[in-house]
Protein backbone atom coordinates (compact mmCIF):
# COMPACT_ATOMS: atom_id res chain seq x y z
CA UNK A 1 -7.40 7.65 10.80
CA UNK A 2 -6.72 7.49 7.08
CA UNK A 3 -6.54 3.81 6.15
CA UNK A 4 -4.49 4.69 3.04
CA UNK A 5 -1.62 5.45 5.43
CA UNK A 6 -1.59 1.77 6.39
CA UNK A 7 -1.09 -1.39 4.39
CA UNK A 8 -4.14 -3.19 3.05
CA UNK A 9 -5.01 -6.61 4.42
CA UNK A 10 -3.84 -8.23 1.16
CA UNK A 11 -0.43 -6.49 1.28
CA UNK A 12 0.00 -7.48 4.94
CA UNK A 13 -0.66 -11.10 4.01
CA UNK A 14 1.98 -10.89 1.23
CA UNK A 15 4.48 -9.43 3.69
CA UNK A 16 3.96 -12.23 6.22
CA UNK A 17 4.03 -14.90 3.47
CA UNK A 18 7.43 -13.48 2.42
CA UNK A 19 8.65 -14.02 5.99
CA UNK A 20 8.92 -10.31 6.80
CA UNK A 21 7.48 -9.29 10.17
CA UNK A 22 7.64 -5.63 11.17
CA UNK A 23 6.94 -4.10 14.56
CA UNK A 24 3.88 -1.92 14.00
CA UNK A 25 1.43 0.31 15.86
CA UNK A 26 -1.58 -1.25 14.10
CA UNK A 27 -2.64 -4.79 13.26
CA UNK A 28 -5.32 -6.40 11.16
CA UNK A 29 -7.34 -8.52 13.61
CA UNK A 30 -9.70 -11.32 12.58
CA UNK A 31 -12.71 -11.42 14.85
CA UNK A 32 -16.22 -12.78 14.70
CA UNK A 33 -17.26 -10.03 12.26
CA UNK A 34 -14.26 -10.25 9.88
CA UNK A 35 -10.96 -8.40 9.56
CA UNK A 36 -10.60 -4.95 11.15
CA UNK A 37 -7.67 -2.54 11.42
CA UNK A 38 -6.98 -1.98 15.13
CA UNK A 39 -4.35 -0.28 17.28
CA UNK A 40 -2.08 -2.59 19.25
CA UNK A 41 -3.10 -0.98 22.56
CA UNK A 42 -6.71 -1.98 22.00
CA UNK A 43 -5.73 -5.43 20.72
CA UNK A 44 -3.66 -6.09 23.85
CA UNK A 45 -6.83 -5.69 25.91
CA UNK A 46 -8.63 -8.32 23.84
CA UNK A 47 -8.26 -12.06 24.37
CA UNK A 48 -5.21 -12.57 22.18
CA UNK A 49 -5.45 -16.36 21.92
CA UNK A 50 -8.86 -16.30 20.26
CA UNK A 51 -8.05 -14.00 17.33
CA UNK A 52 -5.68 -14.13 14.37
CA UNK A 53 -3.72 -10.93 13.65
CA UNK A 54 -1.33 -9.56 11.04
CA UNK A 55 1.00 -6.56 11.48
CA UNK A 56 -0.37 -3.53 9.57
CA UNK A 57 2.59 -1.23 8.89
CA UNK A 58 2.25 2.45 8.09
CA UNK A 59 4.08 4.15 5.23
CA UNK A 60 6.77 5.32 7.64
CA UNK A 61 7.28 1.86 9.15
CA UNK A 62 7.83 0.34 5.70
CA UNK A 63 9.95 3.27 4.40
CA UNK A 64 12.36 2.82 7.35
CA UNK A 65 13.01 -0.80 6.28
CA UNK A 66 13.95 0.07 2.69
CA UNK A 67 17.58 0.86 1.79
CA UNK A 68 18.12 4.45 0.64
CA UNK A 69 20.00 3.34 -2.45
CA UNK A 70 20.59 0.23 -4.55
CA UNK A 71 23.65 0.55 -6.76
CA UNK A 72 23.38 4.11 -8.13
CA UNK A 73 19.58 4.16 -7.80
CA UNK A 74 17.77 6.20 -5.10
CA UNK A 75 14.61 5.19 -3.22
CA UNK A 76 11.56 6.96 -4.67
CA UNK A 77 7.81 6.98 -4.03
CA UNK A 78 5.49 9.20 -6.08
CA UNK A 79 1.92 9.68 -7.24
CA UNK A 80 1.27 8.68 -10.83
CA UNK A 81 -1.22 9.94 -13.40
CA UNK A 82 -4.11 7.55 -12.64
CA UNK A 83 -4.28 8.38 -8.93
CA UNK A 84 -2.11 5.42 -8.00
CA UNK A 85 1.28 5.27 -6.37
CA UNK A 86 4.63 4.12 -7.64
CA UNK A 87 7.56 2.98 -5.48
CA UNK A 88 10.98 1.97 -6.70
CA UNK A 89 14.56 3.01 -7.25
CA UNK A 90 15.42 5.76 -9.73
CA UNK A 91 18.42 7.46 -11.23
CA UNK A 92 19.00 10.21 -13.77
CA UNK A 93 21.37 10.05 -16.70
CA UNK A 94 21.59 11.79 -20.08
CA UNK A 95 18.46 9.97 -21.25
CA UNK A 96 16.43 11.15 -18.23
CA UNK A 97 14.81 9.34 -15.32
CA UNK A 98 15.38 5.58 -15.18
CA UNK A 99 13.67 3.12 -12.82
CA UNK A 100 15.45 -0.01 -11.56
CA UNK A 101 12.17 -1.43 -10.31
CA UNK A 102 8.77 0.24 -10.21
CA UNK A 103 5.81 -1.24 -8.37
CA UNK A 104 2.36 0.32 -8.66
CA UNK A 105 -0.58 0.26 -6.26
CA UNK A 106 -3.55 2.38 -5.28
CA UNK A 107 -2.15 2.55 -1.75
CA UNK A 108 1.40 3.96 -1.29
CA UNK A 109 2.09 1.63 1.63
CA UNK A 110 1.15 -1.39 -0.50
CA UNK A 111 3.55 -0.25 -3.25
CA UNK A 112 6.35 0.09 -0.69
CA UNK A 113 5.54 -3.34 0.79
CA UNK A 114 5.86 -4.94 -2.64
CA UNK A 115 9.17 -3.10 -3.04
CA UNK A 116 10.38 -4.32 0.37
CA UNK A 117 9.51 -7.92 -0.58
CA UNK A 118 11.43 -7.46 -3.85
CA UNK A 119 14.45 -5.99 -2.03
CA UNK A 120 14.61 -8.77 0.56
CA UNK A 121 14.39 -11.63 -1.97
C-alpha cells in the first residue's frame, strides 16, 4: 500500500474539524502504540470502543466529493516543480492558465482535502 494515496493524519484531522466525514476504506486508528493507517475490515475486528479513529480517504474518495467546475473554472490536480502537488480550479483565457484557488501539499490527497474544505466553507 502506498500511503501517499491516502490522506495524512494531519489532513484527516483538518477534515473532521471542518465537519466533513467521508465513508472510506481506511481509517487512522489510535492504539496503544500510536496512530496507524488500517483497513476498515481489520478495524471492525478490533474492540471499537477502546480506540479513537479518523476516516482516511484515498485520492479517489476525495476527488468524488469535489465539484467538477466552479463558475468557469475546472477541477485540476497536478504535480509541481518541487515534487509537491497542487489542487485547485483552473481556466484558460488569452493570458494563459489562471487558478481560482491553488492549494499545495506533498501528498496529493492532502491538497485535495484542503480544496474540499475550501469548497464546502
